Amino acid sequence: MSIRLPSRTWNTSFFFLGLGEIFVRWHTARRKQAFLGRHYLPEDDTVVLLSRDLGPIRRSVRSDYDNENGFLPYLIDFCILQFQASRSVDQTVSVLNSSLELISHRVDLRYSMLRYITWAIPTTGFIGTVVGISDAIYRVDPAKPDLKTITASLGVAFDTTLVALCLSAILVFLLHVVQKQEETSVNQAGHYTLRYLINRLYNEKPS
């Protein structure tokens, strides 16, 4: 019993830490999706964006993002800035693609701690099982073996791994659900920027 309690305590701590991380990522994904409902860009199919239209759009999105949140306003601001500097739609598309790759990589890095936690839970469970088996073998009295005590100790040891695997399976499932939601929000931000900004940019010829 003394072996099982520390292992279960660690597993429980890791599990609730993982749940906390998942809740943070889920909340962040919901915030990113909420930006799509702010309609930063005109969505009428007949609209063409001229240079004079881009300044007000930039001012409307500039305060809505920071280094951690607001991928959609960031993409809009950055693409408009690139177009104003280069007057090239092709270069703006290239900047959009590069920005989406960097954002996707940043999102993936934010799940590194969660992936470690989902690895640590079964690992501590296996450690508890190995120590439990060792303890059961150590308690065996060759002169008077007590099979009931031995099997009870082994049952506790294997129960530690079973619980750890169940907790890890729950976290892995939630991790994939939330990560998919956050990656989908990034893809939607890129699609929105491409459809309603870049595809409507009009490079006016100087008179």
N, C-alpha and C. Protein backbone atom coordinates (compact mmCIF):
# COMPACT_ATOMS: atom_id res chain seq x y z
N MET A 1 0.81 -1.20 0.00
CA MET A 1 0.00 0.00 0.00
C MET A 1 0.85 1.26 0.00
N SER A 2 2.02 1.17 0.65
CA SER A 2 2.92 2.32 0.71
C SER A 2 3.49 2.66 -0.64
N ILE A 3 3.57 1.64 -1.55
CA ILE A 3 4.08 1.89 -2.89
C ILE A 3 3.02 2.54 -3.76
N ARG A 4 1.78 2.12 -3.58
CA ARG A 4 0.71 2.59 -4.46
C ARG A 4 0.38 4.05 -4.21
N LEU A 5 0.39 4.48 -2.97
CA LEU A 5 -0.06 5.83 -2.66
C LEU A 5 0.79 6.93 -3.30
N PRO A 6 2.15 6.88 -3.20
CA PRO A 6 2.93 7.93 -3.87
C PRO A 6 2.72 7.95 -5.37
N SER A 7 2.64 6.76 -5.99
CA SER A 7 2.44 6.70 -7.43
C SER A 7 1.10 7.28 -7.83
N ARG A 8 0.05 6.92 -7.10
CA ARG A 8 -1.28 7.46 -7.42
C ARG A 8 -1.33 8.96 -7.17
N THR A 9 -0.61 9.41 -6.14
CA THR A 9 -0.59 10.86 -5.88
C THR A 9 0.03 11.60 -7.05
N TRP A 10 1.16 11.08 -7.57
CA TRP A 10 1.80 11.71 -8.73
C TRP A 10 0.88 11.66 -9.94
N ASN A 11 0.27 10.52 -10.18
CA ASN A 11 -0.62 10.39 -11.34
C ASN A 11 -1.79 11.36 -11.26
N THR A 12 -2.37 11.46 -10.07
CA THR A 12 -3.50 12.38 -9.89
C THR A 12 -3.06 13.82 -10.10
N SER A 13 -1.88 14.17 -9.58
CA SER A 13 -1.37 15.53 -9.75
C SER A 13 -1.13 15.84 -11.22
N PHE A 14 -0.47 14.92 -11.92
CA PHE A 14 -0.24 15.11 -13.36
C PHE A 14 -1.55 15.21 -14.12
N PHE A 15 -2.52 14.40 -13.75
CA PHE A 15 -3.80 14.38 -14.46
C PHE A 15 -4.51 15.73 -14.35
N PHE A 16 -4.60 16.26 -13.13
CA PHE A 16 -5.30 17.53 -12.97
C PHE A 16 -4.48 18.70 -13.54
N LEU A 17 -3.15 18.58 -13.51
CA LEU A 17 -2.33 19.59 -14.19
C LEU A 17 -2.60 19.57 -15.68
N GLY A 18 -2.72 18.37 -16.24
CA GLY A 18 -3.04 18.25 -17.66
C GLY A 18 -4.42 18.79 -17.98
N LEU A 19 -5.40 18.54 -17.12
CA LEU A 19 -6.74 19.09 -17.33
C LEU A 19 -6.70 20.62 -17.32
N GLY A 20 -5.90 21.19 -16.43
CA GLY A 20 -5.78 22.64 -16.39
C GLY A 20 -5.18 23.19 -17.68
N GLU A 21 -4.15 22.53 -18.18
CA GLU A 21 -3.53 22.96 -19.44
C GLU A 21 -4.52 22.84 -20.60
N ILE A 22 -5.28 21.76 -20.61
CA ILE A 22 -6.27 21.56 -21.68
C ILE A 22 -7.34 22.65 -21.63
N PHE A 23 -7.76 23.01 -20.42
CA PHE A 23 -8.77 24.07 -20.31
C PHE A 23 -8.23 25.39 -20.84
N VAL A 24 -6.98 25.70 -20.54
CA VAL A 24 -6.37 26.93 -21.04
C VAL A 24 -6.33 26.93 -22.57
N ARG A 25 -5.90 25.81 -23.16
CA ARG A 25 -5.83 25.72 -24.61
C ARG A 25 -7.23 25.79 -25.23
N TRP A 26 -8.21 25.16 -24.60
CA TRP A 26 -9.59 25.21 -25.11
C TRP A 26 -10.11 26.64 -25.07
N HIS A 27 -9.87 27.35 -23.99
CA HIS A 27 -10.31 28.73 -23.87
C HIS A 27 -9.64 29.60 -24.93
N THR A 28 -8.35 29.35 -25.18
CA THR A 28 -7.63 30.10 -26.21
C THR A 28 -8.21 29.83 -27.59
N ALA A 29 -8.53 28.57 -27.87
CA ALA A 29 -9.11 28.23 -29.17
C ALA A 29 -10.46 28.90 -29.36
N ARG A 30 -11.27 28.96 -28.30
CA ARG A 30 -12.57 29.63 -28.39
C ARG A 30 -12.39 31.12 -28.67
N ARG A 31 -11.41 31.73 -28.05
CA ARG A 31 -11.15 33.15 -28.29
C ARG A 31 -10.73 33.39 -29.74
N LYS A 32 -9.90 32.50 -30.28
CA LYS A 32 -9.46 32.66 -31.66
C LYS A 32 -10.64 32.53 -32.63
N GLN A 33 -11.52 31.60 -32.36
CA GLN A 33 -12.69 31.45 -33.21
C GLN A 33 -13.63 32.64 -33.11
N ALA A 34 -13.65 33.29 -31.94
CA ALA A 34 -14.53 34.45 -31.75
C ALA A 34 -14.11 35.61 -32.64
N PHE A 35 -12.81 35.69 -32.99
CA PHE A 35 -12.36 36.78 -33.86
C PHE A 35 -13.01 36.72 -35.23
N LEU A 36 -13.37 35.51 -35.68
CA LEU A 36 -14.00 35.39 -36.99
C LEU A 36 -15.37 36.05 -37.03
N GLY A 37 -15.97 36.20 -35.88
CA GLY A 37 -17.30 36.82 -35.82
C GLY A 37 -17.27 38.33 -35.75
N ARG A 38 -16.08 38.92 -35.77
CA ARG A 38 -15.99 40.38 -35.67
C ARG A 38 -16.07 41.07 -37.04
N HIS A 39 -15.99 40.29 -38.10
CA HIS A 39 -16.18 40.83 -39.46
C HIS A 39 -15.27 42.04 -39.70
N TYR A 40 -13.96 41.79 -39.58
CA TYR A 40 -13.00 42.87 -39.80
C TYR A 40 -13.01 43.37 -41.24
N LEU A 41 -13.32 42.47 -42.17
CA LEU A 41 -13.24 42.80 -43.59
C LEU A 41 -14.63 42.79 -44.21
N PRO A 42 -14.85 43.60 -45.25
CA PRO A 42 -16.14 43.54 -45.96
C PRO A 42 -16.29 42.18 -46.63
N GLU A 43 -17.44 41.56 -46.45
CA GLU A 43 -17.64 40.20 -46.93
C GLU A 43 -18.58 40.12 -48.12
N ASP A 44 -18.93 41.27 -48.66
CA ASP A 44 -19.73 41.30 -49.88
C ASP A 44 -18.86 40.86 -51.06
N ASP A 45 -19.35 39.94 -51.88
CA ASP A 45 -18.55 39.38 -52.98
C ASP A 45 -18.21 40.42 -54.05
N THR A 46 -18.88 41.54 -54.06
CA THR A 46 -18.63 42.55 -55.09
C THR A 46 -17.59 43.59 -54.66
N VAL A 47 -17.12 43.50 -53.43
CA VAL A 47 -16.21 44.52 -52.91
C VAL A 47 -14.80 44.30 -53.43
N VAL A 48 -14.16 45.40 -53.83
CA VAL A 48 -12.74 45.41 -54.18
C VAL A 48 -12.04 46.38 -53.24
N LEU A 49 -10.92 45.96 -52.67
CA LEU A 49 -10.22 46.79 -51.69
C LEU A 49 -9.14 47.62 -52.38
N LEU A 50 -9.28 48.92 -52.25
CA LEU A 50 -8.30 49.85 -52.78
C LEU A 50 -7.33 50.27 -51.66
N SER A 51 -6.29 50.94 -52.06
CA SER A 51 -5.27 51.35 -51.08
C SER A 51 -5.86 52.21 -49.98
N ARG A 52 -6.80 53.09 -50.34
CA ARG A 52 -7.38 53.98 -49.34
C ARG A 52 -8.26 53.25 -48.34
N ASP A 53 -8.68 52.03 -48.68
CA ASP A 53 -9.52 51.25 -47.76
C ASP A 53 -8.70 50.50 -46.71
N LEU A 54 -7.41 50.34 -46.95
CA LEU A 54 -6.60 49.48 -46.10
C LEU A 54 -6.21 50.13 -44.79
N GLY A 55 -6.01 51.45 -44.80
CA GLY A 55 -5.62 52.14 -43.57
C GLY A 55 -6.63 51.98 -42.45
N PRO A 56 -7.92 52.26 -42.70
CA PRO A 56 -8.92 52.07 -41.65
C PRO A 56 -9.02 50.63 -41.15
N ILE A 57 -8.82 49.66 -42.06
CA ILE A 57 -8.87 48.26 -41.64
C ILE A 57 -7.72 47.96 -40.69
N ARG A 58 -6.53 48.45 -41.03
CA ARG A 58 -5.37 48.23 -40.14
C ARG A 58 -5.60 48.83 -38.77
N ARG A 59 -6.17 50.03 -38.74
CA ARG A 59 -6.40 50.67 -37.45
C ARG A 59 -7.43 49.90 -36.62
N SER A 60 -8.36 49.24 -37.29
CA SER A 60 -9.41 48.52 -36.56
C SER A 60 -8.91 47.21 -35.95
N VAL A 61 -7.84 46.65 -36.52
CA VAL A 61 -7.36 45.35 -36.03
C VAL A 61 -6.11 45.47 -35.16
N ARG A 62 -5.44 46.61 -35.21
CA ARG A 62 -4.11 46.71 -34.60
C ARG A 62 -4.11 46.46 -33.10
N SER A 63 -5.17 46.85 -32.42
CA SER A 63 -5.21 46.71 -30.96
C SER A 63 -5.82 45.38 -30.51
N ASP A 64 -6.17 44.51 -31.46
CA ASP A 64 -6.87 43.27 -31.10
C ASP A 64 -5.98 42.04 -31.02
N TYR A 65 -4.68 42.22 -31.13
CA TYR A 65 -3.80 41.06 -31.03
C TYR A 65 -2.52 41.42 -30.28
N ASP A 66 -1.88 40.36 -29.76
CA ASP A 66 -0.57 40.50 -29.12
C ASP A 66 0.28 39.30 -29.54
N ASN A 67 1.36 39.06 -28.82
CA ASN A 67 2.26 37.97 -29.21
C ASN A 67 1.65 36.59 -29.00
N GLU A 68 0.59 36.49 -28.21
CA GLU A 68 0.02 35.20 -27.87
C GLU A 68 -1.35 34.95 -28.48
N ASN A 69 -2.12 36.01 -28.69
CA ASN A 69 -3.51 35.84 -29.10
C ASN A 69 -3.84 36.75 -30.28
N GLY A 70 -4.91 36.37 -30.98
CA GLY A 70 -5.40 37.21 -32.07
C GLY A 70 -4.70 36.95 -33.40
N PHE A 71 -4.69 35.69 -33.84
CA PHE A 71 -4.02 35.37 -35.08
C PHE A 71 -4.69 36.02 -36.29
N LEU A 72 -6.02 36.09 -36.29
CA LEU A 72 -6.71 36.68 -37.43
C LEU A 72 -6.39 38.17 -37.59
N PRO A 73 -6.57 39.00 -36.57
CA PRO A 73 -6.18 40.41 -36.76
C PRO A 73 -4.70 40.58 -37.06
N TYR A 74 -3.86 39.70 -36.52
CA TYR A 74 -2.42 39.77 -36.83
C TYR A 74 -2.18 39.52 -38.32
N LEU A 75 -2.82 38.48 -38.87
CA LEU A 75 -2.64 38.18 -40.29
C LEU A 75 -3.13 39.31 -41.17
N ILE A 76 -4.28 39.87 -40.82
CA ILE A 76 -4.81 40.98 -41.62
C ILE A 76 -3.87 42.17 -41.59
N ASP A 77 -3.42 42.54 -40.40
CA ASP A 77 -2.51 43.68 -40.25
C ASP A 77 -1.21 43.44 -41.01
N PHE A 78 -0.63 42.26 -40.85
CA PHE A 78 0.67 41.98 -41.46
C PHE A 78 0.57 41.93 -42.98
N CYS A 79 -0.52 41.36 -43.50
CA CYS A 79 -0.69 41.29 -44.95
C CYS A 79 -0.93 42.67 -45.56
N ILE A 80 -1.72 43.47 -44.88
CA ILE A 80 -1.93 44.83 -45.38
C ILE A 80 -0.63 45.61 -45.38
N LEU A 81 0.15 45.49 -44.33
CA LEU A 81 1.44 46.17 -44.25
C LEU A 81 2.35 45.73 -45.39
N GLN A 82 2.38 44.44 -45.68
CA GLN A 82 3.21 43.93 -46.77
C GLN A 82 2.73 44.46 -48.11
N PHE A 83 1.43 44.49 -48.32
CA PHE A 83 0.91 44.98 -49.60
C PHE A 83 1.19 46.48 -49.76
N GLN A 84 1.04 47.24 -48.69
CA GLN A 84 1.32 48.67 -48.78
C GLN A 84 2.79 48.94 -49.08
N ALA A 85 3.66 48.06 -48.60
CA ALA A 85 5.10 48.25 -48.83
C ALA A 85 5.54 47.79 -50.21
N SER A 86 4.96 46.69 -50.70
CA SER A 86 5.45 46.10 -51.95
C SER A 86 4.53 46.33 -53.14
N ARG A 87 3.26 46.60 -52.90
CA ARG A 87 2.25 46.71 -53.95
C ARG A 87 2.18 45.43 -54.78
N SER A 88 2.50 44.31 -54.16
CA SER A 88 2.51 43.03 -54.87
C SER A 88 1.61 42.04 -54.15
N VAL A 89 0.61 41.54 -54.87
CA VAL A 89 -0.28 40.55 -54.29
C VAL A 89 0.47 39.23 -54.08
N ASP A 90 1.37 38.88 -55.00
CA ASP A 90 2.12 37.64 -54.88
C ASP A 90 2.98 37.63 -53.62
N GLN A 91 3.65 38.73 -53.35
CA GLN A 91 4.46 38.81 -52.14
C GLN A 91 3.59 38.76 -50.88
N THR A 92 2.41 39.34 -50.96
CA THR A 92 1.49 39.30 -49.82
C THR A 92 1.02 37.88 -49.55
N VAL A 93 0.75 37.11 -50.61
CA VAL A 93 0.38 35.71 -50.45
C VAL A 93 1.52 34.93 -49.82
N SER A 94 2.74 35.21 -50.26
CA SER A 94 3.90 34.53 -49.69
C SER A 94 4.06 34.82 -48.21
N VAL A 95 3.83 36.07 -47.84
CA VAL A 95 3.91 36.45 -46.42
C VAL A 95 2.82 35.74 -45.62
N LEU A 96 1.61 35.65 -46.20
CA LEU A 96 0.52 34.95 -45.52
C LEU A 96 0.88 33.49 -45.27
N ASN A 97 1.41 32.82 -46.28
CA ASN A 97 1.77 31.40 -46.13
C ASN A 97 2.86 31.22 -45.08
N SER A 98 3.87 32.09 -45.11
CA SER A 98 4.95 31.99 -44.12
C SER A 98 4.43 32.25 -42.71
N SER A 99 3.54 33.22 -42.58
CA SER A 99 2.98 33.53 -41.27
C SER A 99 2.15 32.38 -40.73
N LEU A 100 1.38 31.73 -41.60
CA LEU A 100 0.57 30.59 -41.16
C LEU A 100 1.45 29.42 -40.71
N GLU A 101 2.56 29.21 -41.40
CA GLU A 101 3.48 28.15 -40.99
C GLU A 101 4.06 28.44 -39.61
N LEU A 102 4.47 29.69 -39.38
CA LEU A 102 5.03 30.06 -38.08
C LEU A 102 3.98 29.95 -36.97
N ILE A 103 2.75 30.37 -37.28
CA ILE A 103 1.68 30.29 -36.28
C ILE A 103 1.37 28.84 -35.95
N SER A 104 1.31 27.99 -36.96
CA SER A 104 1.03 26.57 -36.72
C SER A 104 2.14 25.94 -35.88
N HIS A 105 3.37 26.33 -36.14
CA HIS A 105 4.48 25.81 -35.34
C HIS A 105 4.38 26.30 -33.90
N ARG A 106 4.00 27.56 -33.73
CA ARG A 106 3.85 28.11 -32.38
C ARG A 106 2.74 27.39 -31.61
N VAL A 107 1.64 27.11 -32.30
CA VAL A 107 0.54 26.39 -31.65
C VAL A 107 1.00 24.99 -31.23
N ASP A 108 1.74 24.33 -32.11
CA ASP A 108 2.22 22.99 -31.78
C ASP A 108 3.15 23.00 -30.57
N LEU A 109 4.00 24.02 -30.47
CA LEU A 109 4.92 24.11 -29.34
C LEU A 109 4.17 24.29 -28.02
N ARG A 110 3.03 24.91 -28.05
CA ARG A 110 2.27 25.14 -26.82
C ARG A 110 1.70 23.85 -26.23
N TYR A 111 1.72 22.78 -27.01
CA TYR A 111 1.23 21.50 -26.51
C TYR A 111 2.36 20.59 -26.02
N SER A 112 3.60 21.09 -25.99
CA SER A 112 4.72 20.26 -25.57
C SER A 112 4.57 19.82 -24.11
N MET A 113 4.12 20.72 -23.24
CA MET A 113 3.94 20.36 -21.84
C MET A 113 2.85 19.30 -21.68
N LEU A 114 1.76 19.45 -22.43
CA LEU A 114 0.68 18.46 -22.36
C LEU A 114 1.16 17.09 -22.84
N ARG A 115 1.96 17.09 -23.90
CA ARG A 115 2.48 15.81 -24.39
C ARG A 115 3.40 15.16 -23.36
N TYR A 116 4.17 15.99 -22.65
CA TYR A 116 5.03 15.45 -21.60
C TYR A 116 4.18 14.85 -20.47
N ILE A 117 3.11 15.54 -20.10
CA ILE A 117 2.26 15.05 -19.01
C ILE A 117 1.62 13.72 -19.39
N THR A 118 1.13 13.61 -20.63
CA THR A 118 0.51 12.35 -21.06
C THR A 118 1.53 11.22 -21.13
N TRP A 119 2.81 11.57 -21.30
CA TRP A 119 3.86 10.55 -21.24
C TRP A 119 4.21 10.21 -19.79
N ALA A 120 4.22 11.22 -18.92
CA ALA A 120 4.67 11.03 -17.53
C ALA A 120 3.70 10.17 -16.73
N ILE A 121 2.40 10.28 -17.00
CA ILE A 121 1.41 9.54 -16.21
C ILE A 121 1.61 8.02 -16.33
N PRO A 122 1.63 7.45 -17.54
CA PRO A 122 1.86 6.00 -17.59
C PRO A 122 3.26 5.61 -17.14
N THR A 123 4.23 6.51 -17.32
CA THR A 123 5.59 6.19 -16.87
C THR A 123 5.64 6.03 -15.37
N THR A 124 5.04 6.97 -14.63
CA THR A 124 5.01 6.83 -13.17
C THR A 124 4.20 5.60 -12.75
N GLY A 125 3.17 5.26 -13.54
CA GLY A 125 2.40 4.05 -13.25
C GLY A 125 3.25 2.80 -13.39
N PHE A 126 4.05 2.74 -14.47
CA PHE A 126 4.93 1.60 -14.66
C PHE A 126 5.99 1.52 -13.56
N ILE A 127 6.51 2.68 -13.17
CA ILE A 127 7.49 2.70 -12.08
C ILE A 127 6.87 2.14 -10.80
N GLY A 128 5.63 2.58 -10.51
CA GLY A 128 4.95 2.08 -9.33
C GLY A 128 4.73 0.58 -9.39
N THR A 129 4.44 0.07 -10.61
CA THR A 129 4.24 -1.38 -10.76
C THR A 129 5.53 -2.14 -10.53
N VAL A 130 6.62 -1.65 -11.12
CA VAL A 130 7.91 -2.33 -10.96
C VAL A 130 8.33 -2.34 -9.49
N VAL A 131 8.18 -1.19 -8.84
CA VAL A 131 8.55 -1.13 -7.42
C VAL A 131 7.63 -2.03 -6.59
N GLY A 132 6.35 -2.07 -6.95
CA GLY A 132 5.41 -2.92 -6.23
C GLY A 132 5.75 -4.40 -6.38
N ILE A 133 6.14 -4.82 -7.59
CA ILE A 133 6.54 -6.21 -7.80
C ILE A 133 7.80 -6.52 -6.99
N SER A 134 8.75 -5.59 -7.04
CA SER A 134 9.98 -5.80 -6.27
C SER A 134 9.69 -5.92 -4.78
N ASP A 135 8.77 -5.08 -4.31
CA ASP A 135 8.42 -5.13 -2.88
C ASP A 135 7.74 -6.46 -2.54
N ALA A 136 6.86 -6.93 -3.44
CA ALA A 136 6.18 -8.21 -3.18
C ALA A 136 7.17 -9.36 -3.12
N ILE A 137 8.15 -9.35 -4.07
CA ILE A 137 9.16 -10.41 -4.07
C ILE A 137 10.02 -10.33 -2.81
N TYR A 138 10.35 -9.10 -2.41
CA TYR A 138 11.19 -8.92 -1.22
C TYR A 138 10.50 -9.46 0.03
N ARG A 139 9.17 -9.38 0.07
CA ARG A 139 8.42 -9.82 1.25
C ARG A 139 8.19 -11.34 1.28
N VAL A 140 8.57 -12.03 0.24
CA VAL A 140 8.36 -13.48 0.21
C VAL A 140 9.27 -14.16 1.23
N ASP A 141 8.69 -14.97 2.05
CA ASP A 141 9.45 -15.77 3.03
C ASP A 141 9.59 -17.19 2.47
N PRO A 142 10.79 -17.57 2.02
CA PRO A 142 10.94 -18.90 1.42
C PRO A 142 10.50 -20.03 2.35
N ALA A 143 10.66 -19.82 3.64
CA ALA A 143 10.30 -20.89 4.59
C ALA A 143 8.79 -21.01 4.76
N LYS A 144 8.11 -19.88 4.60
CA LYS A 144 6.66 -19.89 4.81
C LYS A 144 5.99 -18.92 3.84
N PRO A 145 5.92 -19.26 2.56
CA PRO A 145 5.32 -18.35 1.57
C PRO A 145 3.84 -18.13 1.81
N ASP A 146 3.44 -16.89 1.74
CA ASP A 146 2.03 -16.52 1.92
C ASP A 146 1.49 -16.04 0.57
N LEU A 147 0.89 -16.93 -0.19
CA LEU A 147 0.43 -16.59 -1.54
C LEU A 147 -0.64 -15.51 -1.53
N LYS A 148 -1.45 -15.47 -0.52
CA LYS A 148 -2.51 -14.47 -0.45
C LYS A 148 -1.92 -13.06 -0.36
N THR A 149 -0.89 -12.90 0.47
CA THR A 149 -0.25 -11.59 0.61
C THR A 149 0.48 -11.21 -0.66
N ILE A 150 1.15 -12.20 -1.27
CA ILE A 150 1.90 -11.92 -2.50
C ILE A 150 0.97 -11.49 -3.62
N THR A 151 -0.11 -12.23 -3.83
CA THR A 151 -1.04 -11.89 -4.91
C THR A 151 -1.73 -10.56 -4.65
N ALA A 152 -1.98 -10.24 -3.39
CA ALA A 152 -2.58 -8.94 -3.07
C ALA A 152 -1.63 -7.81 -3.42
N SER A 153 -0.33 -8.00 -3.10
CA SER A 153 0.67 -6.98 -3.42
C SER A 153 0.83 -6.82 -4.92
N LEU A 154 0.83 -7.94 -5.64
CA LEU A 154 0.94 -7.85 -7.10
C LEU A 154 -0.30 -7.20 -7.71
N GLY A 155 -1.47 -7.48 -7.14
CA GLY A 155 -2.69 -6.83 -7.63
C GLY A 155 -2.63 -5.33 -7.48
N VAL A 156 -2.11 -4.87 -6.35
CA VAL A 156 -1.95 -3.43 -6.12
C VAL A 156 -0.98 -2.85 -7.14
N ALA A 157 0.12 -3.58 -7.39
CA ALA A 157 1.13 -3.09 -8.33
C ALA A 157 0.57 -2.92 -9.73
N PHE A 158 -0.14 -3.94 -10.22
CA PHE A 158 -0.70 -3.85 -11.57
C PHE A 158 -1.86 -2.86 -11.65
N ASP A 159 -2.56 -2.69 -10.54
CA ASP A 159 -3.64 -1.71 -10.50
C ASP A 159 -3.11 -0.30 -10.71
N THR A 160 -1.89 -0.05 -10.24
CA THR A 160 -1.28 1.27 -10.41
C THR A 160 -1.10 1.60 -11.90
N THR A 161 -0.61 0.63 -12.66
CA THR A 161 -0.44 0.85 -14.10
C THR A 161 -1.78 1.01 -14.80
N LEU A 162 -2.77 0.22 -14.43
CA LEU A 162 -4.09 0.30 -15.06
C LEU A 162 -4.70 1.69 -14.89
N VAL A 163 -4.64 2.19 -13.66
CA VAL A 163 -5.18 3.53 -13.40
C VAL A 163 -4.42 4.58 -14.21
N ALA A 164 -3.10 4.46 -14.25
CA ALA A 164 -2.29 5.44 -14.99
C ALA A 164 -2.62 5.42 -16.47
N LEU A 165 -2.80 4.24 -17.05
CA LEU A 165 -3.13 4.16 -18.48
C LEU A 165 -4.50 4.75 -18.77
N CYS A 166 -5.46 4.54 -17.87
CA CYS A 166 -6.80 5.12 -18.06
C CYS A 166 -6.75 6.64 -18.02
N LEU A 167 -6.01 7.19 -17.04
CA LEU A 167 -5.90 8.65 -16.94
C LEU A 167 -5.19 9.22 -18.16
N SER A 168 -4.14 8.55 -18.61
CA SER A 168 -3.41 9.02 -19.78
C SER A 168 -4.29 8.98 -21.03
N ALA A 169 -5.10 7.93 -21.18
CA ALA A 169 -5.98 7.81 -22.35
C ALA A 169 -6.98 8.96 -22.39
N ILE A 170 -7.51 9.35 -21.24
CA ILE A 170 -8.46 10.46 -21.18
C ILE A 170 -7.78 11.75 -21.63
N LEU A 171 -6.57 12.01 -21.11
CA LEU A 171 -5.86 13.24 -21.46
C LEU A 171 -5.48 13.27 -22.94
N VAL A 172 -5.05 12.14 -23.49
CA VAL A 172 -4.67 12.09 -24.90
C VAL A 172 -5.88 12.41 -25.78
N PHE A 173 -7.03 11.85 -25.44
CA PHE A 173 -8.24 12.14 -26.22
C PHE A 173 -8.59 13.62 -26.17
N LEU A 174 -8.58 14.21 -24.96
CA LEU A 174 -8.90 15.63 -24.83
C LEU A 174 -7.86 16.50 -25.54
N LEU A 175 -6.60 16.09 -25.46
CA LEU A 175 -5.53 16.84 -26.14
C LEU A 175 -5.80 16.92 -27.64
N HIS A 176 -6.12 15.79 -28.25
CA HIS A 176 -6.35 15.77 -29.70
C HIS A 176 -7.59 16.59 -30.07
N VAL A 177 -8.63 16.54 -29.25
CA VAL A 177 -9.84 17.31 -29.54
C VAL A 177 -9.55 18.80 -29.50
N VAL A 178 -8.85 19.25 -28.45
CA VAL A 178 -8.59 20.68 -28.29
C VAL A 178 -7.57 21.17 -29.31
N GLN A 179 -6.53 20.36 -29.57
CA GLN A 179 -5.53 20.78 -30.55
C GLN A 179 -6.15 20.89 -31.94
N LYS A 180 -7.03 19.97 -32.29
CA LYS A 180 -7.72 20.05 -33.57
C LYS A 180 -8.55 21.33 -33.65
N GLN A 181 -9.21 21.69 -32.55
CA GLN A 181 -10.02 22.89 -32.53
C GLN A 181 -9.16 24.13 -32.73
N GLU A 182 -8.00 24.17 -32.08
CA GLU A 182 -7.13 25.34 -32.20
C GLU A 182 -6.50 25.41 -33.60
N GLU A 183 -6.08 24.28 -34.15
CA GLU A 183 -5.52 24.28 -35.49
C GLU A 183 -6.58 24.65 -36.53
N THR A 184 -7.82 24.23 -36.30
CA THR A 184 -8.90 24.61 -37.21
C THR A 184 -9.13 26.11 -37.20
N SER A 185 -9.03 26.73 -36.03
CA SER A 185 -9.21 28.18 -35.94
C SER A 185 -8.11 28.91 -36.70
N VAL A 186 -6.88 28.37 -36.67
CA VAL A 186 -5.78 28.97 -37.43
C VAL A 186 -6.05 28.84 -38.93
N ASN A 187 -6.50 27.66 -39.36
CA ASN A 187 -6.82 27.48 -40.78
C ASN A 187 -7.96 28.39 -41.22
N GLN A 188 -8.94 28.57 -40.36
CA GLN A 188 -10.06 29.45 -40.70
C GLN A 188 -9.58 30.91 -40.81
N ALA A 189 -8.66 31.30 -39.94
CA ALA A 189 -8.12 32.66 -40.01
C ALA A 189 -7.37 32.87 -41.32
N GLY A 190 -6.58 31.87 -41.73
CA GLY A 190 -5.87 31.98 -43.01
C GLY A 190 -6.82 32.03 -44.18
N HIS A 191 -7.86 31.20 -44.16
CA HIS A 191 -8.84 31.19 -45.25
C HIS A 191 -9.60 32.50 -45.32
N TYR A 192 -9.96 33.04 -44.17
CA TYR A 192 -10.69 34.32 -44.13
C TYR A 192 -9.83 35.44 -44.71
N THR A 193 -8.56 35.48 -44.33
CA THR A 193 -7.65 36.52 -44.83
C THR A 193 -7.45 36.39 -46.33
N LEU A 194 -7.30 35.17 -46.80
CA LEU A 194 -7.10 34.96 -48.23
C LEU A 194 -8.35 35.33 -49.03
N ARG A 195 -9.50 34.93 -48.53
CA ARG A 195 -10.74 35.15 -49.29
C ARG A 195 -11.19 36.60 -49.29
N TYR A 196 -11.16 37.22 -48.12
CA TYR A 196 -11.77 38.55 -48.02
C TYR A 196 -10.77 39.70 -48.06
N LEU A 197 -9.48 39.40 -48.05
CA LEU A 197 -8.48 40.46 -48.15
C LEU A 197 -7.63 40.30 -49.40
N ILE A 198 -6.85 39.25 -49.46
CA ILE A 198 -5.87 39.13 -50.54
C ILE A 198 -6.55 38.98 -51.91
N ASN A 199 -7.61 38.19 -51.98
CA ASN A 199 -8.29 38.00 -53.27
C ASN A 199 -9.01 39.26 -53.75
N ARG A 200 -9.11 40.28 -52.90
CA ARG A 200 -9.83 41.50 -53.28
C ARG A 200 -8.92 42.72 -53.36
N LEU A 201 -7.63 42.48 -53.18
CA LEU A 201 -6.71 43.60 -53.28
C LEU A 201 -6.59 44.06 -54.74
N TYR A 202 -6.61 45.35 -54.91
CA TYR A 202 -6.50 45.92 -56.24
C TYR A 202 -5.34 46.88 -56.23
N ASN A 203 -4.36 46.57 -57.07
CA ASN A 203 -3.17 47.42 -57.16
C ASN A 203 -3.43 48.54 -58.16
N GLU A 204 -3.70 49.70 -57.61
CA GLU A 204 -4.00 50.85 -58.47
C GLU A 204 -2.75 51.34 -59.20
N LYS A 205 -2.88 51.58 -60.47
CA LYS A 205 -1.75 52.12 -61.23
C LYS A 205 -1.62 53.61 -60.96
N PRO A 206 -0.38 54.07 -60.75
CA PRO A 206 -0.21 55.51 -60.52
C PRO A 206 -0.63 56.31 -61.72
N SER A 207 -1.32 57.40 -61.47
CA SER A 207 -1.83 58.22 -62.58
C SER A 207 -0.74 59.16 -63.08
